[in-house]
C-alpha atoms as a PDB file:
ATOM      1  CA  MET A   1     -17.089  28.418   1.267  1.00  0.00           C
ATOM      2  CA  GLU A   2     -16.523  25.677   3.679  1.00  0.00           C
ATOM      3  CA  VAL A   3     -13.178  24.006   3.287  1.00  0.00           C
ATOM      4  CA  LYS A   4     -13.567  20.658   5.077  1.00  0.00           C
ATOM      5  CA  ILE A   5     -10.395  18.019   6.194  1.00  0.00           C
ATOM      6  CA  ASP A   6     -11.523  14.393   6.205  1.00  0.00           C
ATOM      7  CA  PRO A   7     -10.494  13.302   9.976  1.00  0.00           C
ATOM      8  CA  CYS A   8      -8.901  10.147   8.678  1.00  0.00           C
ATOM      9  CA  THR A   9      -6.007  11.857   6.730  1.00  0.00           C
ATOM     10  CA  GLY A  10      -2.798  11.333   7.348  1.00  0.00           C
ATOM     11  CA  PHE A  11       0.094   8.473   7.665  1.00  0.00           C
ATOM     12  CA  CYS A  12      -1.697   5.202   8.993  1.00  0.00           C
ATOM     13  CA  PHE A  13       0.193   3.109  11.637  1.00  0.00           C
ATOM     14  CA  GLY A  14       2.253   1.239   9.306  1.00  0.00           C
ATOM     15  CA  VAL A  15       3.413   4.261   7.134  1.00  0.00           C
ATOM     16  CA  LYS A  16       4.477   6.023  10.364  1.00  0.00           C
ATOM     17  CA  ARG A  17       6.264   2.670  11.828  1.00  0.00           C
ATOM     18  CA  ALA A  18       7.903   2.583   8.661  1.00  0.00           C
ATOM     19  CA  VAL A  19       9.060   6.185   7.987  1.00  0.00           C
ATOM     20  CA  ASP A  20      10.054   6.285  11.781  1.00  0.00           C
ATOM     21  CA  THR A  21      12.279   3.281  11.074  1.00  0.00           C
ATOM     22  CA  VAL A  22      14.270   4.916   8.786  1.00  0.00           C
ATOM     23  CA  TYR A  23      14.846   7.976  10.378  1.00  0.00           C
ATOM     24  CA  GLU A  24      15.943   6.050  13.545  1.00  0.00           C
ATOM     25  CA  GLN A  25      18.314   4.337  11.308  1.00  0.00           C
ATOM     26  CA  LEU A  26      19.859   7.674   9.921  1.00  0.00           C
ATOM     27  CA  LYS A  27      20.794   8.623  13.386  1.00  0.00           C
ATOM     28  CA  LYS A  28      23.047   6.112  13.643  1.00  0.00           C
ATOM     29  CA  GLY A  29      25.029   6.542  11.084  1.00  0.00           C
ATOM     30  CA  LYS A  30      24.817   4.042   8.560  1.00  0.00           C
ATOM     31  CA  THR A  31      24.326   3.672   4.845  1.00  0.00           C
ATOM     32  CA  ILE A  32      20.877   3.045   4.626  1.00  0.00           C
ATOM     33  CA  TYR A  33      18.806   1.254   1.545  1.00  0.00           C
ATOM     34  CA  THR A  34      15.140   0.678   1.669  1.00  0.00           C
ATOM     35  CA  TYR A  35      13.912  -2.827  -0.521  1.00  0.00           C
ATOM     36  CA  GLY A  36      11.716  -0.918  -2.488  1.00  0.00           C
ATOM     37  CA  PRO A  37      10.421   2.487  -1.691  1.00  0.00           C
ATOM     38  CA  ILE A  38       9.554   3.018   1.836  1.00  0.00           C
ATOM     39  CA  VAL A  39       5.895   4.034   1.342  1.00  0.00           C
ATOM     40  CA  HIS A  40       4.048   4.859  -2.028  1.00  0.00           C
ATOM     41  CA  ASN A  41       4.504   8.838  -1.895  1.00  0.00           C
ATOM     42  CA  GLU A  42       6.850  10.733  -4.082  1.00  0.00           C
ATOM     43  CA  GLU A  43       7.478  13.364  -1.626  1.00  0.00           C
ATOM     44  CA  VAL A  44       8.442  11.339   1.067  1.00  0.00           C
ATOM     45  CA  ILE A  45      10.808   9.262  -0.965  1.00  0.00           C
ATOM     46  CA  ARG A  46      12.269  12.489  -2.104  1.00  0.00           C
ATOM     47  CA  GLU A  47      12.869  13.741   1.540  1.00  0.00           C
ATOM     48  CA  LEU A  48      14.781  10.719   2.375  1.00  0.00           C
ATOM     49  CA  GLU A  49      16.771  10.322  -0.690  1.00  0.00           C
ATOM     50  CA  GLU A  50      17.506  14.016   0.410  1.00  0.00           C
ATOM     51  CA  GLN A  51      18.844  12.194   3.698  1.00  0.00           C
ATOM     52  CA  GLY A  52      21.237   9.905   1.668  1.00  0.00           C
ATOM     53  CA  VAL A  53      18.809   6.679   1.575  1.00  0.00           C
ATOM     54  CA  ARG A  54      18.654   4.577  -1.508  1.00  0.00           C
ATOM     55  CA  VAL A  55      16.253   2.307  -2.926  1.00  0.00           C
ATOM     56  CA  LEU A  56      16.631  -1.120  -4.110  1.00  0.00           C
ATOM     57  CA  ASP A  57      14.224  -1.991  -6.974  1.00  0.00           C
ATOM     58  CA  ASP A  58      14.661  -5.437  -7.102  1.00  0.00           C
ATOM     59  CA  VAL A  59      16.439  -8.727  -6.681  1.00  0.00           C
ATOM     60  CA  GLN A  60      19.383  -7.893  -8.518  1.00  0.00           C
ATOM     61  CA  ALA A  61      20.215  -4.809  -6.736  1.00  0.00           C
ATOM     62  CA  LEU A  62      20.157  -6.532  -3.765  1.00  0.00           C
ATOM     63  CA  LYS A  63      22.332  -9.010  -5.126  1.00  0.00           C
ATOM     64  CA  ALA A  64      24.629  -6.250  -6.095  1.00  0.00           C
ATOM     65  CA  LEU A  65      25.702  -5.236  -2.503  1.00  0.00           C
ATOM     66  CA  PRO A  66      28.543  -6.147  -1.302  1.00  0.00           C
ATOM     67  CA  CYS A  67      28.305  -8.663   1.423  1.00  0.00           C
ATOM     68  CA  GLY A  68      27.493  -7.852   5.201  1.00  0.00           C
ATOM     69  CA  LYS A  69      30.090 -10.796   6.430  1.00  0.00           C
ATOM     70  CA  ALA A  70      32.068 -13.335   4.323  1.00  0.00           C
ATOM     71  CA  CYS A  71      29.430 -15.673   2.776  1.00  0.00           C
ATOM     72  CA  SER A  72      29.406 -17.971   0.341  1.00  0.00           C
ATOM     73  CA  GLY A  73      33.265 -18.060  -0.342  1.00  0.00           C
ATOM     74  CA  GLU A  74      33.012 -14.238  -1.063  1.00  0.00           C
ATOM     75  CA  ALA A  75      34.940 -11.304   0.950  1.00  0.00           C
ATOM     76  CA  ALA A  76      32.813  -9.473   3.506  1.00  0.00           C
ATOM     77  CA  GLY A  77      32.376  -5.946   2.194  1.00  0.00           C
ATOM     78  CA  ASN A  78      31.125  -2.604   3.737  1.00  0.00           C
ATOM     79  CA  SER A  79      28.145  -3.331   5.940  1.00  0.00           C
ATOM     80  CA  ALA A  80      24.835  -1.494   4.805  1.00  0.00           C
ATOM     81  CA  MET A  81      21.495  -1.459   6.393  1.00  0.00           C
ATOM     82  CA  VAL A  82      18.423  -2.579   4.216  1.00  0.00           C
ATOM     83  CA  ILE A  83      14.856  -1.770   5.756  1.00  0.00           C
ATOM     84  CA  ILE A  84      12.187  -3.691   4.124  1.00  0.00           C
ATOM     85  CA  CYS A  85       9.392  -1.602   3.042  1.00  0.00           C
ATOM     86  CA  ALA A  86       5.958  -0.955   4.899  1.00  0.00           C
ATOM     87  CA  HIS A  87       4.277  -3.147   1.829  1.00  0.00           C
ATOM     88  CA  GLY A  88       6.357  -6.486   2.649  1.00  0.00           C
ATOM     89  CA  VAL A  89       8.491  -8.370   0.482  1.00  0.00           C
ATOM     90  CA  SER A  90       8.696 -12.078  -0.602  1.00  0.00           C
ATOM     91  CA  LYS A  91      10.293 -14.843   1.155  1.00  0.00           C
ATOM     92  CA  GLN A  92      13.152 -14.914  -1.111  1.00  0.00           C
ATOM     93  CA  VAL A  93      14.193 -11.471  -0.416  1.00  0.00           C
ATOM     94  CA  TYR A  94      14.686 -12.566   3.646  1.00  0.00           C
ATOM     95  CA  GLU A  95      16.626 -15.412   2.465  1.00  0.00           C
ATOM     96  CA  MET A  96      18.767 -13.763   0.147  1.00  0.00           C
ATOM     97  CA  LEU A  97      19.242 -11.009   3.021  1.00  0.00           C
ATOM     98  CA  GLU A  98      20.094 -13.894   5.346  1.00  0.00           C
ATOM     99  CA  GLU A  99      22.946 -15.803   2.646  1.00  0.00           C
ATOM    100  CA  LYS A 100      24.405 -12.324   2.233  1.00  0.00           C
ATOM    101  CA  GLY A 101      24.960 -11.519   5.512  1.00  0.00           C
ATOM    102  CA  LEU A 102      23.261  -8.154   5.450  1.00  0.00           C
ATOM    103  CA  GLU A 103      21.874  -6.296   8.550  1.00  0.00           C
ATOM    104  CA  TYR A 104      18.181  -5.639   8.015  1.00  0.00           C
ATOM    105  CA  VAL A 105      15.318  -3.889   9.684  1.00  0.00           C
ATOM    106  CA  ASP A 106      11.654  -4.866   8.634  1.00  0.00           C
ATOM    107  CA  ALA A 107       9.317  -2.501   8.511  1.00  0.00           C
ATOM    108  CA  THR A 108       6.572  -4.501   6.806  1.00  0.00           C
ATOM    109  CA  CYS A 109       3.320  -3.113   8.301  1.00  0.00           C
ATOM    110  CA  PRO A 110       1.939  -5.650  10.776  1.00  0.00           C
ATOM    111  CA  PHE A 111      -1.582  -6.036   8.744  1.00  0.00           C
ATOM    112  CA  VAL A 112       0.388  -7.030   5.467  1.00  0.00           C
ATOM    113  CA  LYS A 113       2.501  -9.386   7.692  1.00  0.00           C
ATOM    114  CA  ARG A 114      -0.668 -11.407   9.026  1.00  0.00           C
ATOM    115  CA  ILE A 115      -1.616 -11.747   5.493  1.00  0.00           C
ATOM    116  CA  HIS A 116       2.220 -13.459   4.608  1.00  0.00           C
ATOM    117  CA  GLY A 117       1.421 -16.073   7.937  1.00  0.00           C
ATOM    118  CA  ILE A 118      -2.096 -16.694   6.997  1.00  0.00           C
ATOM    119  CA  VAL A 119      -1.317 -17.878   2.794  1.00  0.00           C
ATOM    120  CA  GLU A 120       1.968 -19.751   3.819  1.00  0.00           C
ATOM    121  CA  LYS A 121      -0.137 -21.702   6.423  1.00  0.00           C
ATOM    122  CA  GLU A 122      -3.109 -22.510   4.195  1.00  0.00           C
ATOM    123  CA  SER A 123      -1.232 -22.917   0.951  1.00  0.00           C
ATOM    124  CA  ARG A 124       0.937 -25.471   2.967  1.00  0.00           C
ATOM    125  CA  GLU A 125      -2.458 -27.184   3.639  1.00  0.00           C
ATOM    126  CA  GLY A 126      -3.506 -27.715  -0.044  1.00  0.00           C
ATOM    127  CA  LYS A 127      -5.441 -24.450  -0.333  1.00  0.00           C
ATOM    128  CA  TYR A 128      -5.796 -22.364  -3.659  1.00  0.00           C
ATOM    129  CA  ILE A 129      -4.967 -18.913  -2.759  1.00  0.00           C
ATOM    130  CA  VAL A 130      -7.043 -16.204  -4.306  1.00  0.00           C
ATOM    131  CA  VAL A 131      -5.746 -12.559  -3.456  1.00  0.00           C
ATOM    132  CA  VAL A 132      -8.140 -10.086  -4.155  1.00  0.00           C
ATOM    133  CA  GLY A 133      -6.000  -6.801  -5.451  1.00  0.00           C
ATOM    134  CA  ASP A 134      -3.842  -5.397  -7.673  1.00  0.00           C
ATOM    135  CA  PRO A 135      -1.522  -7.534  -9.640  1.00  0.00           C
ATOM    136  CA  GLY A 136       1.342  -5.043 -10.082  1.00  0.00           C
ATOM    137  CA  HIS A 137       1.052  -3.850  -6.449  1.00  0.00           C
ATOM    138  CA  THR A 138       4.300  -4.088  -4.473  1.00  0.00           C
ATOM    139  CA  GLU A 139       2.172  -5.647  -1.466  1.00  0.00           C
ATOM    140  CA  VAL A 140       0.367  -8.126  -3.582  1.00  0.00           C
ATOM    141  CA  LYS A 141       3.816  -9.283  -5.651  1.00  0.00           C
ATOM    142  CA  GLY A 142       5.435  -9.801  -1.803  1.00  0.00           C
ATOM    143  CA  THR A 143       2.225 -11.686  -0.832  1.00  0.00           C
ATOM    144  CA  LEU A 144       2.480 -14.219  -3.705  1.00  0.00           C
ATOM    145  CA  GLY A 145       6.107 -15.007  -2.419  1.00  0.00           C
ATOM    146  CA  TRP A 146       4.697 -16.414   0.641  1.00  0.00           C
ATOM    147  CA  CYS A 147       2.378 -19.024  -0.999  1.00  0.00           C
ATOM    148  CA  GLN A 148       3.973 -22.259  -1.174  1.00  0.00           C
ATOM    149  CA  GLY A 149       1.113 -23.337  -3.866  1.00  0.00           C
ATOM    150  CA  ASP A 150      -0.724 -22.297  -6.615  1.00  0.00           C
ATOM    151  CA  ALA A 151      -2.482 -18.992  -6.350  1.00  0.00           C
ATOM    152  CA  VAL A 152      -3.973 -16.059  -8.356  1.00  0.00           C
ATOM    153  CA  VAL A 153      -4.674 -12.490  -8.382  1.00  0.00           C
ATOM    154  CA  LEU A 154      -7.990 -11.077  -8.907  1.00  0.00           C
ATOM    155  CA  GLU A 155      -8.675  -7.567  -9.025  1.00  0.00           C
ATOM    156  CA  THR A 156     -12.044  -6.993 -11.134  1.00  0.00           C
ATOM    157  CA  VAL A 157     -15.264  -8.402 -10.491  1.00  0.00           C
ATOM    158  CA  GLU A 158     -14.982  -9.500 -14.050  1.00  0.00           C
ATOM    159  CA  GLU A 159     -12.055 -11.656 -13.397  1.00  0.00           C
ATOM    160  CA  ALA A 160     -14.028 -13.320 -10.354  1.00  0.00           C
ATOM    161  CA  GLU A 161     -17.321 -13.571 -12.421  1.00  0.00           C
ATOM    162  CA  LYS A 162     -14.901 -16.130 -15.086  1.00  0.00           C
ATOM    163  CA  PHE A 163     -12.526 -17.535 -12.178  1.00  0.00           C
ATOM    164  CA  VAL A 164     -13.077 -21.292 -11.917  1.00  0.00           C
ATOM    165  CA  PRO A 165     -11.080 -22.918  -9.209  1.00  0.00           C
ATOM    166  CA  PRO A 166      -9.129 -26.363 -10.234  1.00  0.00           C
ATOM    167  CA  GLU A 167     -11.621 -29.224  -9.377  1.00  0.00           C
ATOM    168  CA  GLY A 168     -11.621 -30.606  -6.038  1.00  0.00           C
ATOM    169  CA  ARG A 169      -9.742 -27.961  -4.275  1.00  0.00           C
ATOM    170  CA  LYS A 170     -10.358 -25.927  -1.688  1.00  0.00           C
ATOM    171  CA  VAL A 171     -10.378 -21.852  -2.045  1.00  0.00           C
ATOM    172  CA  PHE A 172      -8.889 -19.665   0.370  1.00  0.00           C
ATOM    173  CA  VAL A 173      -9.501 -15.639   0.059  1.00  0.00           C
ATOM    174  CA  VAL A 174      -7.497 -12.559   1.341  1.00  0.00           C
ATOM    175  CA  SER A 175      -7.423  -9.084   0.236  1.00  0.00           C
ATOM    176  CA  GLN A 176      -4.983  -6.479  -0.387  1.00  0.00           C
ATOM    177  CA  THR A 177      -5.131  -4.193   2.838  1.00  0.00           C
ATOM    178  CA  THR A 178      -6.013  -1.313   0.511  1.00  0.00           C
ATOM    179  CA  PHE A 179      -8.544  -3.027  -1.567  1.00  0.00           C
ATOM    180  CA  ASN A 180     -12.033  -1.269  -1.626  1.00  0.00           C
ATOM    181  CA  TYR A 181     -13.606  -3.309   0.885  1.00  0.00           C
ATOM    182  CA  ASN A 182     -17.276  -3.002  -0.865  1.00  0.00           C
ATOM    183  CA  LYS A 183     -15.836  -4.401  -3.931  1.00  0.00           C
ATOM    184  CA  PHE A 184     -13.850  -7.474  -1.993  1.00  0.00           C
ATOM    185  CA  TYR A 185     -17.071  -8.643  -0.256  1.00  0.00           C
ATOM    186  CA  TYR A 186     -19.028  -8.426  -3.761  1.00  0.00           C
ATOM    187  CA  ILE A 187     -16.455 -10.550  -5.092  1.00  0.00           C
ATOM    188  CA  VAL A 188     -16.507 -13.217  -2.311  1.00  0.00           C
ATOM    189  CA  GLU A 189     -20.193 -12.997  -2.736  1.00  0.00           C
ATOM    190  CA  ILE A 190     -19.474 -14.382  -6.196  1.00  0.00           C
ATOM    191  CA  PHE A 191     -17.794 -16.910  -5.070  1.00  0.00           C
ATOM    192  CA  GLU A 192     -20.285 -18.001  -2.494  1.00  0.00           C
ATOM    193  CA  LYS A 193     -22.925 -17.934  -5.189  1.00  0.00           C
ATOM    194  CA  LYS A 194     -21.160 -20.260  -7.135  1.00  0.00           C
ATOM    195  CA  GLY A 195     -21.009 -22.895  -4.553  1.00  0.00           C
ATOM    196  CA  TYR A 196     -17.491 -23.101  -4.242  1.00  0.00           C
ATOM    197  CA  ASN A 197     -15.649 -24.247  -1.523  1.00  0.00           C
ATOM    198  CA  VAL A 198     -14.586 -20.960   0.049  1.00  0.00           C
ATOM    199  CA  SER A 199     -12.661 -19.901   3.066  1.00  0.00           C
ATOM    200  CA  VAL A 200     -12.245 -16.252   3.563  1.00  0.00           C
ATOM    201  CA  ALA A 201     -10.047 -14.154   5.754  1.00  0.00           C
ATOM    202  CA  ASN A 202     -10.989  -9.921   5.488  1.00  0.00           C
ATOM    203  CA  THR A 203      -7.287  -9.015   5.282  1.00  0.00           C
ATOM    204  CA  VAL A 204      -8.999  -5.306   4.282  1.00  0.00           C
ATOM    205  CA  CYS A 205      -6.957  -2.954   6.982  1.00  0.00           C
ATOM    206  CA  SER A 206      -9.181  -1.654   9.228  1.00  0.00           C
ATOM    207  CA  ALA A 207      -7.904   1.809   9.187  1.00  0.00           C
ATOM    208  CA  THR A 208      -8.043   1.485   5.087  1.00  0.00           C
ATOM    209  CA  GLU A 209     -12.005   0.338   6.018  1.00  0.00           C
ATOM    210  CA  GLU A 210     -12.445   3.719   8.249  1.00  0.00           C
ATOM    211  CA  ARG A 211     -10.660   6.085   6.066  1.00  0.00           C
ATOM    212  CA  GLN A 212     -12.883   4.925   2.740  1.00  0.00           C
ATOM    213  CA  ARG A 213     -16.263   5.262   4.855  1.00  0.00           C
ATOM    214  CA  SER A 214     -15.102   8.614   6.023  1.00  0.00           C
ATOM    215  CA  ALA A 215     -14.105   9.865   2.524  1.00  0.00           C
ATOM    216  CA  ARG A 216     -17.475   8.803   0.760  1.00  0.00           C
ATOM    217  CA  ALA A 217     -19.303  10.650   3.806  1.00  0.00           C
ATOM    218  CA  LEU A 218     -17.518  13.503   3.007  1.00  0.00           C
ATOM    219  CA  ALA A 219     -17.862  13.186  -1.017  1.00  0.00           C
ATOM    220  CA  GLU A 220     -21.493  12.747  -0.282  1.00  0.00           C
ATOM    221  CA  GLU A 221     -21.744  15.771   1.035  1.00  0.00           C
ATOM    222  CA  ALA A 222     -19.231  18.273  -1.020  1.00  0.00           C
ATOM    223  CA  ASP A 223     -19.436  20.026  -4.017  1.00  0.00           C
ATOM    224  CA  VAL A 224     -15.496  19.494  -5.250  1.00  0.00           C
ATOM    225  CA  MET A 225     -13.224  16.570  -3.317  1.00  0.00           C
ATOM    226  CA  ILE A 226      -9.324  16.917  -3.693  1.00  0.00           C
ATOM    227  CA  VAL A 227      -7.890  13.889  -2.987  1.00  0.00           C
ATOM    228  CA  ILE A 228      -3.837  14.168  -2.318  1.00  0.00           C
ATOM    229  CA  GLY A 229      -1.893  10.848  -2.440  1.00  0.00           C
ATOM    230  CA  GLY A 230       1.114   9.440  -4.271  1.00  0.00           C
ATOM    231  CA  ARG A 231       0.126   8.171  -7.910  1.00  0.00           C
ATOM    232  CA  HIS A 232       1.556   4.742  -7.038  1.00  0.00           C
ATOM    233  CA  SER A 233      -0.618   4.586  -4.006  1.00  0.00           C
ATOM    234  CA  SER A 234      -3.020   1.899  -4.199  1.00  0.00           C
ATOM    235  CA  ASN A 235      -5.032   3.247  -1.230  1.00  0.00           C
ATOM    236  CA  THR A 236      -5.181   6.775  -2.595  1.00  0.00           C
ATOM    237  CA  LYS A 237      -6.327   5.431  -5.821  1.00  0.00           C
ATOM    238  CA  LYS A 238      -9.472   3.699  -4.084  1.00  0.00           C
ATOM    239  CA  LEU A 239     -10.279   6.858  -2.294  1.00  0.00           C
ATOM    240  CA  TYR A 240     -10.272   8.713  -5.934  1.00  0.00           C
ATOM    241  CA  GLU A 241     -12.484   6.000  -7.074  1.00  0.00           C
ATOM    242  CA  ILE A 242     -14.690   6.161  -3.879  1.00  0.00           C
ATOM    243  CA  CYS A 243     -15.246   9.958  -3.884  1.00  0.00           C
ATOM    244  CA  SER A 244     -15.448  10.218  -7.686  1.00  0.00           C
ATOM    245  CA  GLU A 245     -18.640   8.179  -7.564  1.00  0.00           C
ATOM    246  CA  LYS A 246     -20.293  10.181  -5.055  1.00  0.00           C
ATOM    247  CA  CYS A 247     -18.909  13.951  -6.238  1.00  0.00           C
ATOM    248  CA  ALA A 248     -18.598  14.487  -9.813  1.00  0.00           C
ATOM    249  CA  LYS A 249     -15.743  17.146  -9.326  1.00  0.00           C
ATOM    250  CA  THR A 250     -13.160  15.177  -7.819  1.00  0.00           C
ATOM    251  CA  TYR A 251      -9.634  16.092  -8.022  1.00  0.00           C
ATOM    252  CA  PHE A 252      -6.543  13.555  -7.541  1.00  0.00           C
ATOM    253  CA  ILE A 253      -3.002  15.679  -7.168  1.00  0.00           C
ATOM    254  CA  GLN A 254       0.376  14.682  -5.513  1.00  0.00           C
ATOM    255  CA  THR A 255       1.328  18.177  -4.638  1.00  0.00           C
ATOM    256  CA  LEU A 256      -0.109  21.574  -4.464  1.00  0.00           C
ATOM    257  CA  ASP A 257       1.434  22.292  -7.848  1.00  0.00           C
ATOM    258  CA  ASP A 258      -0.826  19.696  -9.597  1.00  0.00           C
ATOM    259  CA  LEU A 259      -3.871  21.821  -8.087  1.00  0.00           C
ATOM    260  CA  HIS A 260      -5.507  23.941 -10.878  1.00  0.00           C
ATOM    261  CA  LEU A 261      -9.025  24.723  -9.403  1.00  0.00           C
ATOM    262  CA  GLU A 262     -11.557  26.582 -11.067  1.00  0.00           C
ATOM    263  CA  LEU A 263     -14.285  26.971  -8.473  1.00  0.00           C
ATOM    264  CA  PRO A 264     -17.956  28.848  -9.037  1.00  0.00           C
ATOM    265  CA  LYS A 265     -19.567  30.924  -6.620  1.00  0.00           C
ATOM    266  CA  SER A 266     -21.927  28.237  -6.242  1.00  0.00           C
ATOM    267  CA  VAL A 267     -19.311  25.742  -4.607  1.00  0.00           C
ATOM    268  CA  ARG A 268     -20.365  25.814  -0.793  1.00  0.00           C
ATOM    269  CA  LEU A 269     -18.095  22.918   0.261  1.00  0.00           C
ATOM    270  CA  VAL A 270     -14.717  22.010  -0.558  1.00  0.00           C
ATOM    271  CA  GLY A 271     -13.419  18.156   0.827  1.00  0.00           C
ATOM    272  CA  ILE A 272     -10.052  17.061   1.480  1.00  0.00           C
ATOM    273  CA  THR A 273      -8.912  13.680   1.884  1.00  0.00           C
ATOM    274  CA  ALA A 274      -5.602  11.804   1.442  1.00  0.00           C
ATOM    275  CA  GLY A 275      -3.797   8.720   1.219  1.00  0.00           C
ATOM    276  CA  ALA A 276      -2.315   6.634   4.196  1.00  0.00           C
ATOM    277  CA  SER A 277       1.349   7.959   2.876  1.00  0.00           C
ATOM    278  CA  THR A 278       0.593  11.359   2.715  1.00  0.00           C
ATOM    279  CA  PRO A 279       2.443  13.637   4.733  1.00  0.00           C
ATOM    280  CA  ASN A 280       0.251  16.083   7.230  1.00  0.00           C
ATOM    281  CA  LYS A 281       2.280  19.339   6.028  1.00  0.00           C
ATOM    282  CA  LEU A 282       0.868  18.869   2.340  1.00  0.00           C
ATOM    283  CA  ILE A 283      -2.383  18.210   3.280  1.00  0.00           C
ATOM    284  CA  GLU A 284      -2.456  21.266   5.473  1.00  0.00           C
ATOM    285  CA  GLU A 285      -0.706  23.490   2.120  1.00  0.00           C
ATOM    286  CA  VAL A 286      -3.464  21.965  -0.042  1.00  0.00           C
ATOM    287  CA  GLN A 287      -5.631  23.632   2.740  1.00  0.00           C
ATOM    288  CA  ASN A 288      -4.360  26.391   3.176  1.00  0.00           C
ATOM    289  CA  TYR A 289      -4.144  27.480  -0.600  1.00  0.00           C
ATOM    290  CA  VAL A 290      -7.747  26.756  -0.951  1.00  0.00           C
ATOM    291  CA  ARG A 291      -8.862  28.954   2.134  1.00  0.00           C
ATOM    292  CA  ILE A 292      -6.809  31.951   0.768  1.00  0.00           C
ATOM    293  CA  ASN A 293      -7.246  31.997  -2.787  1.00  0.00           C
ATOM    294  CA  PHE A 294     -11.076  31.211  -2.801  1.00  0.00           C
END
């Protein structure tokens, strides 16, 4: 039996940059907070928590931090370093960090940052913003926080079919960086066929597109696929969705403990792929386990 790892696994550029940023700041001996989990992988977050990194889950948690310097009549507290997560945050969060005088480092993925600039500009010009993505995802919530006017999130083809823009409004469409790029293009086609006045920025990350294509190709030849990643990871969920379409026996796991395989002797190829925030050591653990036990 052959075990093949998708060549596009491992940390993507934005994730590596964000995680490296946290470790760089830890070396300085400061109290480190991240606004939101730095990336969507539970193993990475657990390791950082063991190093003393704390996660701020919302604006209220940020408000509760002592000021970094005298602000709004309050006495300054002990300074803390806040690191903005790779998925980005709303404009309001930046304003609050400035208002409280807190030291912060922006670890937002540059591809996400680009979307913020696009929606801010286009919404200021009066366009109706459509974000194609998961409305509950951190990245999408942050993107909406940069829109200066009306905006809507559409996740499914059915929602796109029902969508009707306000009369006379130009529509500008962007995508969550980790969205299924085939589905994104299909949704855009729906708008075009309906004759809407639509402009589009393909903001699906190029690394995401490449990872999805590569996973699809591997799933087409594999008898069994293993997809490794965090339960809250959007890009990992999309990989699982794509692989499941091509390989009936596709498993979604977070850690090696989740892997319960029963492989018949007829299995020739086991494929392994992983989300953009999955550590290489975890991928290697799964690969070694399958090789040794089957």
